[in-house]
Amino acid sequence: MTRQELDELLDGALSPEAAARVQAELRTNAPAAALCAKMQRERALRSAALAGYAPSAEEAEVAAVRVIAALAE
């Protein structure tokens, strides 16, 4: 099992068959289950940290200008 598969499981991006296979492996693979739990905690912390963030109008404008400039390159 790869970290990418765990990411896809947590994202809900796996097919039902693939998700069932990964979940079955997690039940018998303690290190993979621990990694998956750690990834879930990290996602929850990131989500909580970013939940209240909204850029100011100035920050949004600066970001937009940078993105447009990067796309023009």
C-alpha atoms as a PDB file:
ATOM      1  CA  MET A   1       0.000   0.000   0.000  1.00  0.00           C
ATOM      2  CA  THR A   2       1.325   3.423  -0.907  1.00  0.00           C
ATOM      3  CA  ARG A   3       0.872   6.796   0.733  1.00  0.00           C
ATOM      4  CA  GLN A   4      -0.843   7.892  -2.472  1.00  0.00           C
ATOM      5  CA  GLU A   5      -3.440   5.151  -1.996  1.00  0.00           C
ATOM      6  CA  LEU A   6      -4.028   6.370   1.554  1.00  0.00           C
ATOM      7  CA  ASP A   7      -4.398   9.950   0.302  1.00  0.00           C
ATOM      8  CA  GLU A   8      -6.871   8.790  -2.317  1.00  0.00           C
ATOM      9  CA  LEU A   9      -8.784   6.794   0.303  1.00  0.00           C
ATOM     10  CA  LEU A  10      -9.013   9.845   2.567  1.00  0.00           C
ATOM     11  CA  ASP A  11     -10.010  11.996  -0.419  1.00  0.00           C
ATOM     12  CA  GLY A  12     -12.748   9.538  -1.378  1.00  0.00           C
ATOM     13  CA  ALA A  13     -11.092   9.205  -4.783  1.00  0.00           C
ATOM     14  CA  LEU A  14     -10.766   5.402  -4.883  1.00  0.00           C
ATOM     15  CA  SER A  15     -13.272   3.169  -6.619  1.00  0.00           C
ATOM     16  CA  PRO A  16     -15.450   1.215  -4.187  1.00  0.00           C
ATOM     17  CA  GLU A  17     -13.436  -1.916  -4.949  1.00  0.00           C
ATOM     18  CA  ALA A  18     -10.079  -0.215  -4.376  1.00  0.00           C
ATOM     19  CA  ALA A  19     -11.340   1.460  -1.190  1.00  0.00           C
ATOM     20  CA  ALA A  20     -12.515  -1.905   0.144  1.00  0.00           C
ATOM     21  CA  ARG A  21      -9.117  -3.442  -0.655  1.00  0.00           C
ATOM     22  CA  VAL A  22      -7.225  -0.636   1.123  1.00  0.00           C
ATOM     23  CA  GLN A  23      -9.561  -0.732   4.136  1.00  0.00           C
ATOM     24  CA  ALA A  24      -9.130  -4.514   4.377  1.00  0.00           C
ATOM     25  CA  GLU A  25      -5.364  -4.097   4.357  1.00  0.00           C
ATOM     26  CA  LEU A  26      -5.569  -1.420   7.032  1.00  0.00           C
ATOM     27  CA  ARG A  27      -7.330  -3.903   9.317  1.00  0.00           C
ATOM     28  CA  THR A  28      -4.335  -6.275   9.145  1.00  0.00           C
ATOM     29  CA  ASN A  29      -1.416  -3.869   8.621  1.00  0.00           C
ATOM     30  CA  ALA A  30      -0.805  -1.970  11.872  1.00  0.00           C
ATOM     31  CA  PRO A  31       1.935   0.356  10.513  1.00  0.00           C
ATOM     32  CA  ALA A  32      -0.248   1.348   7.554  1.00  0.00           C
ATOM     33  CA  ALA A  33      -3.236   1.861   9.856  1.00  0.00           C
ATOM     34  CA  ALA A  34      -1.109   4.076  12.117  1.00  0.00           C
ATOM     35  CA  LEU A  35       0.080   6.099   9.128  1.00  0.00           C
ATOM     36  CA  CYS A  36      -3.483   6.497   7.893  1.00  0.00           C
ATOM     37  CA  ALA A  37      -4.616   7.677  11.336  1.00  0.00           C
ATOM     38  CA  LYS A  38      -1.726  10.157  11.433  1.00  0.00           C
ATOM     39  CA  MET A  39      -2.677  11.446   7.986  1.00  0.00           C
ATOM     40  CA  GLN A  40      -6.282  11.887   9.141  1.00  0.00           C
ATOM     41  CA  ARG A  41      -5.142  13.872  12.205  1.00  0.00           C
ATOM     42  CA  GLU A  42      -2.873  16.060  10.058  1.00  0.00           C
ATOM     43  CA  ARG A  43      -5.731  16.765   7.647  1.00  0.00           C
ATOM     44  CA  ALA A  44      -8.026  17.687  10.539  1.00  0.00           C
ATOM     45  CA  LEU A  45      -5.420  20.058  11.982  1.00  0.00           C
ATOM     46  CA  ARG A  46      -4.827  21.698   8.588  1.00  0.00           C
ATOM     47  CA  SER A  47      -8.538  22.055   8.019  1.00  0.00           C
ATOM     48  CA  ALA A  48      -9.055  23.623  11.435  1.00  0.00           C
ATOM     49  CA  ALA A  49      -6.122  25.997  10.939  1.00  0.00           C
ATOM     50  CA  LEU A  50      -7.359  27.150   7.551  1.00  0.00           C
ATOM     51  CA  ALA A  51     -11.089  27.196   8.329  1.00  0.00           C
ATOM     52  CA  GLY A  52     -11.077  30.717   9.691  1.00  0.00           C
ATOM     53  CA  TYR A  53      -8.674  32.180   7.165  1.00  0.00           C
ATOM     54  CA  ALA A  54     -10.055  34.500   4.559  1.00  0.00           C
ATOM     55  CA  PRO A  55      -7.600  36.689   2.661  1.00  0.00           C
ATOM     56  CA  SER A  56      -8.047  40.423   2.783  1.00  0.00           C
ATOM     57  CA  ALA A  57      -8.968  42.184  -0.452  1.00  0.00           C
ATOM     58  CA  GLU A  58      -5.339  43.274  -0.818  1.00  0.00           C
ATOM     59  CA  GLU A  59      -4.011  39.734  -0.271  1.00  0.00           C
ATOM     60  CA  ALA A  60      -6.479  38.346  -2.795  1.00  0.00           C
ATOM     61  CA  GLU A  61      -5.478  40.954  -5.366  1.00  0.00           C
ATOM     62  CA  VAL A  62      -1.750  40.279  -4.883  1.00  0.00           C
ATOM     63  CA  ALA A  63      -2.347  36.542  -5.247  1.00  0.00           C
ATOM     64  CA  ALA A  64      -4.422  37.067  -8.391  1.00  0.00           C
ATOM     65  CA  VAL A  65      -1.721  39.249  -9.953  1.00  0.00           C
ATOM     66  CA  ARG A  66       0.925  36.618  -9.184  1.00  0.00           C
ATOM     67  CA  VAL A  67      -1.149  33.814 -10.661  1.00  0.00           C
ATOM     68  CA  ILE A  68      -1.906  35.791 -13.813  1.00  0.00           C
ATOM     69  CA  ALA A  69       1.789  36.667 -14.203  1.00  0.00           C
ATOM     70  CA  ALA A  70       2.808  33.051 -13.736  1.00  0.00           C
ATOM     71  CA  LEU A  71       0.298  31.896 -16.325  1.00  0.00           C
ATOM     72  CA  ALA A  72       1.585  34.481 -18.792  1.00  0.00           C
ATOM     73  CA  GLU A  73       5.137  33.144 -18.570  1.00  0.00           C
END
